[in-house]
PDB file of N, CA and C in Angstrom:
ATOM      1  N   MET A   1      -5.938  34.171 -16.297  1.00  0.00           N
ATOM      2  CA  MET A   1      -4.922  33.378 -15.634  1.00  0.00           C
ATOM      3  C   MET A   1      -4.808  32.038 -16.350  1.00  0.00           C
ATOM      4  N   SER A   2      -3.628  31.524 -16.489  1.00  0.00           N
ATOM      5  CA  SER A   2      -3.362  30.299 -17.226  1.00  0.00           C
ATOM      6  C   SER A   2      -3.628  29.075 -16.356  1.00  0.00           C
ATOM      7  N   ASP A   3      -4.095  27.998 -17.003  1.00  0.00           N
ATOM      8  CA  ASP A   3      -4.295  26.734 -16.298  1.00  0.00           C
ATOM      9  C   ASP A   3      -3.024  25.884 -16.299  1.00  0.00           C
ATOM     10  N   ILE A   4      -1.971  26.382 -16.920  1.00  0.00           N
ATOM     11  CA  ILE A   4      -0.717  25.651 -16.997  1.00  0.00           C
ATOM     12  C   ILE A   4       0.015  25.822 -15.666  1.00  0.00           C
ATOM     13  N   PRO A   5       0.380  24.692 -15.024  1.00  0.00           N
ATOM     14  CA  PRO A   5       1.068  24.793 -13.731  1.00  0.00           C
ATOM     15  C   PRO A   5       2.472  25.364 -13.903  1.00  0.00           C
ATOM     16  N   ASP A   6       2.947  26.050 -12.896  1.00  0.00           N
ATOM     17  CA  ASP A   6       4.300  26.586 -12.864  1.00  0.00           C
ATOM     18  C   ASP A   6       5.269  25.417 -12.701  1.00  0.00           C
ATOM     19  N   MET A   7       6.143  25.217 -13.658  1.00  0.00           N
ATOM     20  CA  MET A   7       7.058  24.074 -13.646  1.00  0.00           C
ATOM     21  C   MET A   7       7.996  24.101 -12.438  1.00  0.00           C
ATOM     22  N   SER A   8       8.384  25.286 -12.007  1.00  0.00           N
ATOM     23  CA  SER A   8       9.250  25.396 -10.838  1.00  0.00           C
ATOM     24  C   SER A   8       8.537  24.877  -9.594  1.00  0.00           C
ATOM     25  N   ASP A   9       7.253  25.249  -9.445  1.00  0.00           N
ATOM     26  CA  ASP A   9       6.465  24.767  -8.305  1.00  0.00           C
ATOM     27  C   ASP A   9       6.287  23.257  -8.370  1.00  0.00           C
ATOM     28  N   LEU A  10       6.002  22.739  -9.574  1.00  0.00           N
ATOM     29  CA  LEU A  10       5.817  21.292  -9.721  1.00  0.00           C
ATOM     30  C   LEU A  10       7.097  20.535  -9.380  1.00  0.00           C
ATOM     31  N   LEU A  11       8.228  21.058  -9.822  1.00  0.00           N
ATOM     32  CA  LEU A  11       9.500  20.409  -9.531  1.00  0.00           C
ATOM     33  C   LEU A  11       9.778  20.411  -8.032  1.00  0.00           C
ATOM     34  N   GLN A  12       9.492  21.525  -7.386  1.00  0.00           N
ATOM     35  CA  GLN A  12       9.692  21.622  -5.931  1.00  0.00           C
ATOM     36  C   GLN A  12       8.782  20.628  -5.205  1.00  0.00           C
ATOM     37  N   GLN A  13       7.537  20.521  -5.650  1.00  0.00           N
ATOM     38  CA  GLN A  13       6.600  19.570  -5.035  1.00  0.00           C
ATOM     39  C   GLN A  13       7.061  18.138  -5.271  1.00  0.00           C
ATOM     40  N   ALA A  14       7.576  17.859  -6.462  1.00  0.00           N
ATOM     41  CA  ALA A  14       8.058  16.508  -6.772  1.00  0.00           C
ATOM     42  C   ALA A  14       9.219  16.126  -5.854  1.00  0.00           C
ATOM     43  N   PHE A  15      10.134  17.066  -5.619  1.00  0.00           N
ATOM     44  CA  PHE A  15      11.247  16.792  -4.715  1.00  0.00           C
ATOM     45  C   PHE A  15      10.756  16.560  -3.292  1.00  0.00           C
ATOM     46  N   ALA A  16       9.750  17.308  -2.881  1.00  0.00           N
ATOM     47  CA  ALA A  16       9.201  17.141  -1.533  1.00  0.00           C
ATOM     48  C   ALA A  16       8.544  15.768  -1.391  1.00  0.00           C
ATOM     49  N   VAL A  17       7.810  15.337  -2.406  1.00  0.00           N
ATOM     50  CA  VAL A  17       7.174  14.015  -2.387  1.00  0.00           C
ATOM     51  C   VAL A  17       8.238  12.928  -2.350  1.00  0.00           C
ATOM     52  N   GLN A  18       9.294  13.112  -3.139  1.00  0.00           N
ATOM     53  CA  GLN A  18      10.377  12.133  -3.158  1.00  0.00           C
ATOM     54  C   GLN A  18      11.021  12.013  -1.773  1.00  0.00           C
ATOM     55  N   ALA A  19      11.229  13.128  -1.108  1.00  0.00           N
ATOM     56  CA  ALA A  19      11.826  13.102   0.234  1.00  0.00           C
ATOM     57  C   ALA A  19      10.908  12.388   1.212  1.00  0.00           C
ATOM     58  N   ARG A  20       9.589  12.627   1.118  1.00  0.00           N
ATOM     59  CA  ARG A  20       8.642  11.941   2.015  1.00  0.00           C
ATOM     60  C   ARG A  20       8.609  10.445   1.728  1.00  0.00           C
ATOM     61  N   MET A  21       8.717  10.063   0.453  1.00  0.00           N
ATOM     62  CA  MET A  21       8.729   8.641   0.106  1.00  0.00           C
ATOM     63  C   MET A  21       9.986   7.965   0.645  1.00  0.00           C
ATOM     64  N   GLN A  22      11.129   8.642   0.547  1.00  0.00           N
ATOM     65  CA  GLN A  22      12.368   8.071   1.063  1.00  0.00           C
ATOM     66  C   GLN A  22      12.299   7.915   2.579  1.00  0.00           C
ATOM     67  N   ALA A  23      11.699   8.878   3.252  1.00  0.00           N
ATOM     68  CA  ALA A  23      11.553   8.788   4.712  1.00  0.00           C
ATOM     69  C   ALA A  23      10.627   7.632   5.079  1.00  0.00           C
ATOM     70  N   ALA A  24       9.539   7.464   4.326  1.00  0.00           N
ATOM     71  CA  ALA A  24       8.602   6.362   4.594  1.00  0.00           C
ATOM     72  C   ALA A  24       9.280   5.016   4.359  1.00  0.00           C
ATOM     73  N   GLN A  25      10.090   4.919   3.306  1.00  0.00           N
ATOM     74  CA  GLN A  25      10.795   3.670   3.028  1.00  0.00           C
ATOM     75  C   GLN A  25      11.834   3.375   4.105  1.00  0.00           C
ATOM     76  N   ALA A  26      12.515   4.396   4.588  1.00  0.00           N
ATOM     77  CA  ALA A  26      13.496   4.193   5.656  1.00  0.00           C
ATOM     78  C   ALA A  26      12.809   3.728   6.934  1.00  0.00           C
ATOM     79  N   ALA A  27      11.642   4.308   7.226  1.00  0.00           N
ATOM     80  CA  ALA A  27      10.895   3.891   8.417  1.00  0.00           C
ATOM     81  C   ALA A  27      10.449   2.441   8.277  1.00  0.00           C
ATOM     82  N   ALA A  28       9.997   2.066   7.090  1.00  0.00           N
ATOM     83  CA  ALA A  28       9.563   0.683   6.861  1.00  0.00           C
ATOM     84  C   ALA A  28      10.733  -0.278   6.985  1.00  0.00           C
ATOM     85  N   GLN A  29      11.906   0.149   6.518  1.00  0.00           N
ATOM     86  CA  GLN A  29      13.076  -0.723   6.587  1.00  0.00           C
ATOM     87  C   GLN A  29      13.517  -0.953   8.027  1.00  0.00           C
ATOM     88  N   SER A  30      13.351   0.045   8.878  1.00  0.00           N
ATOM     89  CA  SER A  30      13.781  -0.116  10.263  1.00  0.00           C
ATOM     90  C   SER A  30      12.734  -0.831  11.119  1.00  0.00           C
ATOM     91  N   ALA A  31      11.497  -0.906  10.641  1.00  0.00           N
ATOM     92  CA  ALA A  31      10.441  -1.605  11.375  1.00  0.00           C
ATOM     93  C   ALA A  31      10.539  -3.105  11.104  1.00  0.00           C
ATOM     94  N   THR A  32      10.015  -3.921  12.020  1.00  0.00           N
ATOM     95  CA  THR A  32       9.957  -5.361  11.786  1.00  0.00           C
ATOM     96  C   THR A  32       8.545  -5.862  12.011  1.00  0.00           C
ATOM     97  N   VAL A  33       8.232  -6.951  11.335  1.00  0.00           N
ATOM     98  CA  VAL A  33       6.954  -7.636  11.509  1.00  0.00           C
ATOM     99  C   VAL A  33       7.264  -9.108  11.743  1.00  0.00           C
ATOM    100  N   GLU A  34       6.351  -9.782  12.434  1.00  0.00           N
ATOM    101  CA  GLU A  34       6.561 -11.197  12.710  1.00  0.00           C
ATOM    102  C   GLU A  34       5.342 -11.980  12.248  1.00  0.00           C
ATOM    103  N   GLY A  35       5.588 -12.954  11.407  1.00  0.00           N
ATOM    104  CA  GLY A  35       4.536 -13.868  10.980  1.00  0.00           C
ATOM    105  C   GLY A  35       4.666 -15.156  11.748  1.00  0.00           C
ATOM    106  N   SER A  36       3.548 -15.810  11.994  1.00  0.00           N
ATOM    107  CA  SER A  36       3.621 -17.059  12.753  1.00  0.00           C
ATOM    108  C   SER A  36       2.669 -18.083  12.169  1.00  0.00           C
ATOM    109  N   ALA A  37       2.928 -19.324  12.547  1.00  0.00           N
ATOM    110  CA  ALA A  37       2.074 -20.437  12.136  1.00  0.00           C
ATOM    111  C   ALA A  37       2.086 -21.477  13.247  1.00  0.00           C
ATOM    112  N   GLY A  38       1.036 -22.289  13.263  1.00  0.00           N
ATOM    113  CA  GLY A  38       0.955 -23.348  14.268  1.00  0.00           C
ATOM    114  C   GLY A  38       0.853 -22.792  15.675  1.00  0.00           C
ATOM    115  N   GLY A  39       0.151 -21.689  15.827  1.00  0.00           N
ATOM    116  CA  GLY A  39      -0.011 -21.095  17.147  1.00  0.00           C
ATOM    117  C   GLY A  39       1.287 -20.529  17.704  1.00  0.00           C
ATOM    118  N   GLY A  40       2.173 -20.098  16.816  1.00  0.00           N
ATOM    119  CA  GLY A  40       3.443 -19.511  17.251  1.00  0.00           C
ATOM    120  C   GLY A  40       4.587 -20.500  17.322  1.00  0.00           C
ATOM    121  N   ILE A  41       4.339 -21.737  16.930  1.00  0.00           N
ATOM    122  CA  ILE A  41       5.401 -22.742  16.951  1.00  0.00           C
ATOM    123  C   ILE A  41       6.518 -22.355  15.982  1.00  0.00           C
ATOM    124  N   VAL A  42       6.124 -21.771  14.856  1.00  0.00           N
ATOM    125  CA  VAL A  42       7.094 -21.279  13.884  1.00  0.00           C
ATOM    126  C   VAL A  42       6.842 -19.788  13.709  1.00  0.00           C
ATOM    127  N   ARG A  43       7.930 -18.988  13.830  1.00  0.00           N
ATOM    128  CA  ARG A  43       7.819 -17.540  13.658  1.00  0.00           C
ATOM    129  C   ARG A  43       8.907 -17.062  12.702  1.00  0.00           C
ATOM    130  N   VAL A  44       8.521 -16.144  11.831  1.00  0.00           N
ATOM    131  CA  VAL A  44       9.464 -15.545  10.889  1.00  0.00           C
ATOM    132  C   VAL A  44       9.399 -14.042  11.073  1.00  0.00           C
ATOM    133  N   THR A  45      10.560 -13.400  11.199  1.00  0.00           N
ATOM    134  CA  THR A  45      10.630 -11.957  11.360  1.00  0.00           C
ATOM    135  C   THR A  45      11.207 -11.347  10.087  1.00  0.00           C
ATOM    136  N   LEU A  46      10.511 -10.330   9.576  1.00  0.00           N
ATOM    137  CA  LEU A  46      10.956  -9.601   8.386  1.00  0.00           C
ATOM    138  C   LEU A  46      11.046  -8.118   8.709  1.00  0.00           C
ATOM    139  N   THR A  47      11.872  -7.414   7.927  1.00  0.00           N
ATOM    140  CA  THR A  47      11.844  -5.960   8.015  1.00  0.00           C
ATOM    141  C   THR A  47      10.594  -5.492   7.275  1.00  0.00           C
ATOM    142  N   GLY A  48      10.284  -4.232   7.423  1.00  0.00           N
ATOM    143  CA  GLY A  48       9.130  -3.671   6.723  1.00  0.00           C
ATOM    144  C   GLY A  48       9.283  -3.682   5.217  1.00  0.00           C
ATOM    145  N   THR A  49      10.513  -3.881   4.735  1.00  0.00           N
ATOM    146  CA  THR A  49      10.742  -3.957   3.293  1.00  0.00           C
ATOM    147  C   THR A  49      10.793  -5.402   2.791  1.00  0.00           C
ATOM    148  N   GLY A  50      10.545  -6.354   3.682  1.00  0.00           N
ATOM    149  CA  GLY A  50      10.438  -7.747   3.267  1.00  0.00           C
ATOM    150  C   GLY A  50      11.698  -8.579   3.410  1.00  0.00           C
ATOM    151  N   GLU A  51      12.752  -8.032   4.007  1.00  0.00           N
ATOM    152  CA  GLU A  51      13.979  -8.796   4.204  1.00  0.00           C
ATOM    153  C   GLU A  51      13.837  -9.693   5.434  1.00  0.00           C
ATOM    154  N   ALA A  52      14.079 -10.994   5.249  1.00  0.00           N
ATOM    155  CA  ALA A  52      14.005 -11.937   6.370  1.00  0.00           C
ATOM    156  C   ALA A  52      15.195 -11.709   7.292  1.00  0.00           C
ATOM    157  N   VAL A  53      14.902 -11.580   8.589  1.00  0.00           N
ATOM    158  CA  VAL A  53      15.977 -11.352   9.556  1.00  0.00           C
ATOM    159  C   VAL A  53      16.052 -12.429  10.629  1.00  0.00           C
ATOM    160  N   ALA A  54      14.989 -13.215  10.813  1.00  0.00           N
ATOM    161  CA  ALA A  54      15.034 -14.256  11.835  1.00  0.00           C
ATOM    162  C   ALA A  54      13.955 -15.311  11.587  1.00  0.00           C
ATOM    163  N   VAL A  55      14.280 -16.526  11.993  1.00  0.00           N
ATOM    164  CA  VAL A  55      13.325 -17.637  11.972  1.00  0.00           C
ATOM    165  C   VAL A  55      13.446 -18.335  13.319  1.00  0.00           C
ATOM    166  N   HIS A  56      12.311 -18.593  13.943  1.00  0.00           N
ATOM    167  CA  HIS A  56      12.313 -19.328  15.202  1.00  0.00           C
ATOM    168  C   HIS A  56      11.428 -20.563  15.022  1.00  0.00           C
ATOM    169  N   ILE A  57      11.974 -21.714  15.364  1.00  0.00           N
ATOM    170  CA  ILE A  57      11.215 -22.962  15.297  1.00  0.00           C
ATOM    171  C   ILE A  57      11.262 -23.607  16.671  1.00  0.00           C
ATOM    172  N   ASP A  58      10.096 -23.765  17.271  1.00  0.00           N
ATOM    173  CA  ASP A  58       9.995 -24.424  18.574  1.00  0.00           C
ATOM    174  C   ASP A  58      10.410 -25.886  18.391  1.00  0.00           C
ATOM    175  N   PRO A  59      11.248 -26.405  19.267  1.00  0.00           N
ATOM    176  CA  PRO A  59      11.673 -27.808  19.143  1.00  0.00           C
ATOM    177  C   PRO A  59      10.500 -28.792  19.077  1.00  0.00           C
ATOM    178  N   ALA A  60       9.369 -28.427  19.647  1.00  0.00           N
ATOM    179  CA  ALA A  60       8.212 -29.319  19.587  1.00  0.00           C
ATOM    180  C   ALA A  60       7.714 -29.523  18.161  1.00  0.00           C
ATOM    181  N   ALA A  61       8.079 -28.623  17.252  1.00  0.00           N
ATOM    182  CA  ALA A  61       7.626 -28.724  15.862  1.00  0.00           C
ATOM    183  C   ALA A  61       8.514 -29.648  15.037  1.00  0.00           C
ATOM    184  N   VAL A  62       9.626 -30.073  15.598  1.00  0.00           N
ATOM    185  CA  VAL A  62      10.573 -30.885  14.846  1.00  0.00           C
ATOM    186  C   VAL A  62      10.254 -32.362  15.035  1.00  0.00           C
ATOM    187  N   ASP A  63       9.739 -32.960  13.983  1.00  0.00           N
ATOM    188  CA  ASP A  63       9.438 -34.396  13.957  1.00  0.00           C
ATOM    189  C   ASP A  63      10.162 -34.971  12.740  1.00  0.00           C
ATOM    190  N   PRO A  64      11.230 -35.714  12.950  1.00  0.00           N
ATOM    191  CA  PRO A  64      12.002 -36.233  11.817  1.00  0.00           C
ATOM    192  C   PRO A  64      11.165 -37.076  10.855  1.00  0.00           C
ATOM    193  N   ASP A  65      10.065 -37.627  11.340  1.00  0.00           N
ATOM    194  CA  ASP A  65       9.217 -38.448  10.479  1.00  0.00           C
ATOM    195  C   ASP A  65       8.186 -37.626   9.717  1.00  0.00           C
ATOM    196  N   ASP A  66       8.106 -36.309   9.998  1.00  0.00           N
ATOM    197  CA  ASP A  66       7.115 -35.470   9.322  1.00  0.00           C
ATOM    198  C   ASP A  66       7.715 -34.102   8.989  1.00  0.00           C
ATOM    199  N   CYS A  67       8.746 -34.097   8.160  1.00  0.00           N
ATOM    200  CA  CYS A  67       9.385 -32.846   7.748  1.00  0.00           C
ATOM    201  C   CYS A  67       8.432 -31.981   6.928  1.00  0.00           C
ATOM    202  N   GLU A  68       7.508 -32.596   6.230  1.00  0.00           N
ATOM    203  CA  GLU A  68       6.568 -31.840   5.393  1.00  0.00           C
ATOM    204  C   GLU A  68       5.720 -30.884   6.237  1.00  0.00           C
ATOM    205  N   MET A  69       5.319 -31.323   7.437  1.00  0.00           N
ATOM    206  CA  MET A  69       4.519 -30.447   8.294  1.00  0.00           C
ATOM    207  C   MET A  69       5.337 -29.217   8.699  1.00  0.00           C
ATOM    208  N   LEU A  70       6.596 -29.421   9.059  1.00  0.00           N
ATOM    209  CA  LEU A  70       7.458 -28.307   9.441  1.00  0.00           C
ATOM    210  C   LEU A  70       7.675 -27.367   8.257  1.00  0.00           C
ATOM    211  N   GLU A  71       7.879 -27.914   7.087  1.00  0.00           N
ATOM    212  CA  GLU A  71       8.035 -27.094   5.885  1.00  0.00           C
ATOM    213  C   GLU A  71       6.789 -26.241   5.645  1.00  0.00           C
ATOM    214  N   ASP A  72       5.618 -26.849   5.816  1.00  0.00           N
ATOM    215  CA  ASP A  72       4.360 -26.118   5.635  1.00  0.00           C
ATOM    216  C   ASP A  72       4.214 -24.993   6.662  1.00  0.00           C
ATOM    217  N   LEU A  73       4.627 -25.260   7.900  1.00  0.00           N
ATOM    218  CA  LEU A  73       4.541 -24.237   8.943  1.00  0.00           C
ATOM    219  C   LEU A  73       5.479 -23.068   8.651  1.00  0.00           C
ATOM    220  N   VAL A  74       6.696 -23.366   8.193  1.00  0.00           N
ATOM    221  CA  VAL A  74       7.649 -22.296   7.860  1.00  0.00           C
ATOM    222  C   VAL A  74       7.106 -21.460   6.710  1.00  0.00           C
ATOM    223  N   LEU A  75       6.566 -22.112   5.696  1.00  0.00           N
ATOM    224  CA  LEU A  75       6.005 -21.393   4.553  1.00  0.00           C
ATOM    225  C   LEU A  75       4.812 -20.538   4.975  1.00  0.00           C
ATOM    226  N   ALA A  76       3.955 -21.064   5.829  1.00  0.00           N
ATOM    227  CA  ALA A  76       2.796 -20.302   6.305  1.00  0.00           C
ATOM    228  C   ALA A  76       3.232 -19.089   7.126  1.00  0.00           C
ATOM    229  N   ALA A  77       4.237 -19.263   7.975  1.00  0.00           N
ATOM    230  CA  ALA A  77       4.740 -18.147   8.777  1.00  0.00           C
ATOM    231  C   ALA A  77       5.375 -17.090   7.886  1.00  0.00           C
ATOM    232  N   LEU A  78       6.104 -17.523   6.865  1.00  0.00           N
ATOM    233  CA  LEU A  78       6.724 -16.584   5.933  1.00  0.00           C
ATOM    234  C   LEU A  78       5.661 -15.796   5.174  1.00  0.00           C
ATOM    235  N   ARG A  79       4.633 -16.476   4.714  1.00  0.00           N
ATOM    236  CA  ARG A  79       3.548 -15.786   4.003  1.00  0.00           C
ATOM    237  C   ARG A  79       2.838 -14.784   4.916  1.00  0.00           C
ATOM    238  N   ASP A  80       2.641 -15.152   6.167  1.00  0.00           N
ATOM    239  CA  ASP A  80       2.010 -14.247   7.129  1.00  0.00           C
ATOM    240  C   ASP A  80       2.874 -13.006   7.327  1.00  0.00           C
ATOM    241  N   ALA A  81       4.169 -13.200   7.498  1.00  0.00           N
ATOM    242  CA  ALA A  81       5.075 -12.072   7.694  1.00  0.00           C
ATOM    243  C   ALA A  81       5.140 -11.197   6.442  1.00  0.00           C
ATOM    244  N   MET A  82       5.144 -11.811   5.258  1.00  0.00           N
ATOM    245  CA  MET A  82       5.172 -11.042   4.016  1.00  0.00           C
ATOM    246  C   MET A  82       3.921 -10.178   3.883  1.00  0.00           C
ATOM    247  N   ALA A  83       2.769 -10.729   4.226  1.00  0.00           N
ATOM    248  CA  ALA A  83       1.526  -9.954   4.159  1.00  0.00           C
ATOM    249  C   ALA A  83       1.587  -8.759   5.104  1.00  0.00           C
ATOM    250  N   GLN A  84       2.140  -8.968   6.295  1.00  0.00           N
ATOM    251  CA  GLN A  84       2.263  -7.874   7.253  1.00  0.00           C
ATOM    252  C   GLN A  84       3.265  -6.828   6.777  1.00  0.00           C
ATOM    253  N   SER A  85       4.357  -7.271   6.170  1.00  0.00           N
ATOM    254  CA  SER A  85       5.361  -6.351   5.642  1.00  0.00           C
ATOM    255  C   SER A  85       4.771  -5.505   4.519  1.00  0.00           C
ATOM    256  N   GLN A  86       4.011  -6.129   3.631  1.00  0.00           N
ATOM    257  CA  GLN A  86       3.377  -5.395   2.531  1.00  0.00           C
ATOM    258  C   GLN A  86       2.342  -4.405   3.058  1.00  0.00           C
ATOM    259  N   ALA A  87       1.606  -4.800   4.087  1.00  0.00           N
ATOM    260  CA  ALA A  87       0.624  -3.892   4.684  1.00  0.00           C
ATOM    261  C   ALA A  87       1.327  -2.699   5.328  1.00  0.00           C
ATOM    262  N   LEU A  88       2.467  -2.946   5.967  1.00  0.00           N
ATOM    263  CA  LEU A  88       3.237  -1.866   6.576  1.00  0.00           C
ATOM    264  C   LEU A  88       3.721  -0.885   5.512  1.00  0.00           C
ATOM    265  N   GLN A  89       4.221  -1.413   4.395  1.00  0.00           N
ATOM    266  CA  GLN A  89       4.673  -0.554   3.299  1.00  0.00           C
ATOM    267  C   GLN A  89       3.519   0.253   2.724  1.00  0.00           C
ATOM    268  N   ALA A  90       2.393  -0.401   2.479  1.00  0.00           N
ATOM    269  CA  ALA A  90       1.233   0.285   1.912  1.00  0.00           C
ATOM    270  C   ALA A  90       0.739   1.371   2.848  1.00  0.00           C
ATOM    271  N   ASP A  91       0.749   1.076   4.133  1.00  0.00           N
ATOM    272  CA  ASP A  91       0.301   2.068   5.112  1.00  0.00           C
ATOM    273  C   ASP A  91       1.247   3.265   5.133  1.00  0.00           C
ATOM    274  N   ALA A  92       2.549   3.001   5.112  1.00  0.00           N
ATOM    275  CA  ALA A  92       3.531   4.086   5.147  1.00  0.00           C
ATOM    276  C   ALA A  92       3.436   4.947   3.900  1.00  0.00           C
ATOM    277  N   LEU A  93       3.328   4.325   2.749  1.00  0.00           N
ATOM    278  CA  LEU A  93       3.271   5.086   1.504  1.00  0.00           C
ATOM    279  C   LEU A  93       1.900   5.713   1.283  1.00  0.00           C
ATOM    280  N   GLY A  94       0.877   5.140   1.871  1.00  0.00           N
ATOM    281  CA  GLY A  94      -0.475   5.670   1.708  1.00  0.00           C
ATOM    282  C   GLY A  94      -0.689   6.981   2.426  1.00  0.00           C
ATOM    283  N   HIS A  95       0.169   7.303   3.365  1.00  0.00           N
ATOM    284  CA  HIS A  95       0.023   8.540   4.117  1.00  0.00           C
ATOM    285  C   HIS A  95       0.825   9.694   3.524  1.00  0.00           C
ATOM    286  N   ILE A  96       1.443   9.477   2.368  1.00  0.00           N
ATOM    287  CA  ILE A  96       2.236  10.534   1.748  1.00  0.00           C
ATOM    288  C   ILE A  96       1.308  11.488   1.016  1.00  0.00           C
ATOM    289  N   ASP A  97       1.404  12.747   1.369  1.00  0.00           N
ATOM    290  CA  ASP A  97       0.615  13.800   0.739  1.00  0.00           C
ATOM    291  C   ASP A  97       1.296  14.195  -0.565  1.00  0.00           C
ATOM    292  N   LEU A  98       0.595  14.062  -1.677  1.00  0.00           N
ATOM    293  CA  LEU A  98       1.162  14.405  -2.970  1.00  0.00           C
ATOM    294  C   LEU A  98       1.046  15.885  -3.283  1.00  0.00           C
ATOM    295  N   GLY A  99       0.385  16.621  -2.419  1.00  0.00           N
ATOM    296  CA  GLY A  99       0.228  18.053  -2.657  1.00  0.00           C
ATOM    297  C   GLY A  99      -0.427  18.295  -3.998  1.00  0.00           C
ATOM    298  N   GLY A 100       0.053  19.262  -4.744  1.00  0.00           N
ATOM    299  CA  GLY A 100      -0.508  19.601  -6.052  1.00  0.00           C
ATOM    300  C   GLY A 100      -0.221  18.582  -7.123  1.00  0.00           C
ATOM    301  N   LEU A 101       0.655  17.609  -6.836  1.00  0.00           N
ATOM    302  CA  LEU A 101       0.966  16.603  -7.831  1.00  0.00           C
ATOM    303  C   LEU A 101      -0.131  15.575  -7.998  1.00  0.00           C
ATOM    304  N   GLY A 102      -1.028  15.489  -7.025  1.00  0.00           N
ATOM    305  CA  GLY A 102      -2.099  14.496  -7.088  1.00  0.00           C
ATOM    306  C   GLY A 102      -2.926  14.605  -8.349  1.00  0.00           C
ATOM    307  N   GLY A 103      -3.235  15.820  -8.759  1.00  0.00           N
ATOM    308  CA  GLY A 103      -4.020  16.026  -9.976  1.00  0.00           C
ATOM    309  C   GLY A 103      -3.298  15.571 -11.223  1.00  0.00           C
ATOM    310  N   LEU A 104      -1.981  15.727 -11.235  1.00  0.00           N
ATOM    311  CA  LEU A 104      -1.191  15.295 -12.391  1.00  0.00           C
ATOM    312  C   LEU A 104      -1.107  13.790 -12.490  1.00  0.00           C
ATOM    313  N   LEU A 105      -1.207  13.113 -11.344  1.00  0.00           N
ATOM    314  CA  LEU A 105      -1.084  11.659 -11.305  1.00  0.00           C
ATOM    315  C   LEU A 105      -2.422  10.953 -11.361  1.00  0.00           C
ATOM    316  N   GLY A 106      -3.477  11.689 -11.613  1.00  0.00           N
ATOM    317  CA  GLY A 106      -4.791  11.080 -11.753  1.00  0.00           C
ATOM    318  C   GLY A 106      -5.625  11.140 -10.499  1.00  0.00           C
ATOM    319  N   GLY A 107      -5.087  11.630  -9.405  1.00  0.00           N
ATOM    320  CA  GLY A 107      -5.839  11.754  -8.157  1.00  0.00           C
ATOM    321  C   GLY A 107      -6.401  13.152  -8.020  1.00  0.00           C
ATOM    322  N   ALA A 108      -7.182  13.322  -7.010  1.00  0.00           N
ATOM    323  CA  ALA A 108      -7.750  14.642  -6.757  1.00  0.00           C
ATOM    324  C   ALA A 108      -6.711  15.505  -6.047  1.00  0.00           C
ATOM    325  N   ASP A 109      -6.667  16.773  -6.390  1.00  0.00           N
ATOM    326  CA  ASP A 109      -5.772  17.700  -5.703  1.00  0.00           C
ATOM    327  C   ASP A 109      -6.187  17.840  -4.259  1.00  0.00           C
ATOM    328  N   GLN A 110      -5.188  18.024  -3.405  1.00  0.00           N
ATOM    329  CA  GLN A 110      -5.442  18.270  -1.990  1.00  0.00           C
ATOM    330  C   GLN A 110      -5.785  19.740  -1.831  1.00  0.00           C
ATOM    331  N   PRO A 111      -6.702  20.101  -0.938  1.00  0.00           N
ATOM    332  CA  PRO A 111      -7.011  21.522  -0.744  1.00  0.00           C
ATOM    333  C   PRO A 111      -5.862  22.252  -0.108  1.00  0.00           C
TER     334      PRO A 111
END
């Protein structure tokens, strides 16, 4: 028996993996994450793909004499939301079964 994989089977598996990846990306795009800073005084909402969709700033955070603090809070909330969005993407894509393609991509084949 040959150790050469059947190209038709590999192509079919590749299409199946592509479909699962597209589904995972669509799920991530429809999900949202919220990053916050200053105990929730500043909140930033992103989609699972990293698109900013909302910013909330509590009026208590607005001090005209200290705009730098507000800028720092917005940046911290954005970074928090970005980290959560990236974790959501990694989690979604990490659950994709590569089937027989895993061995071709350097991973172990699934039983």
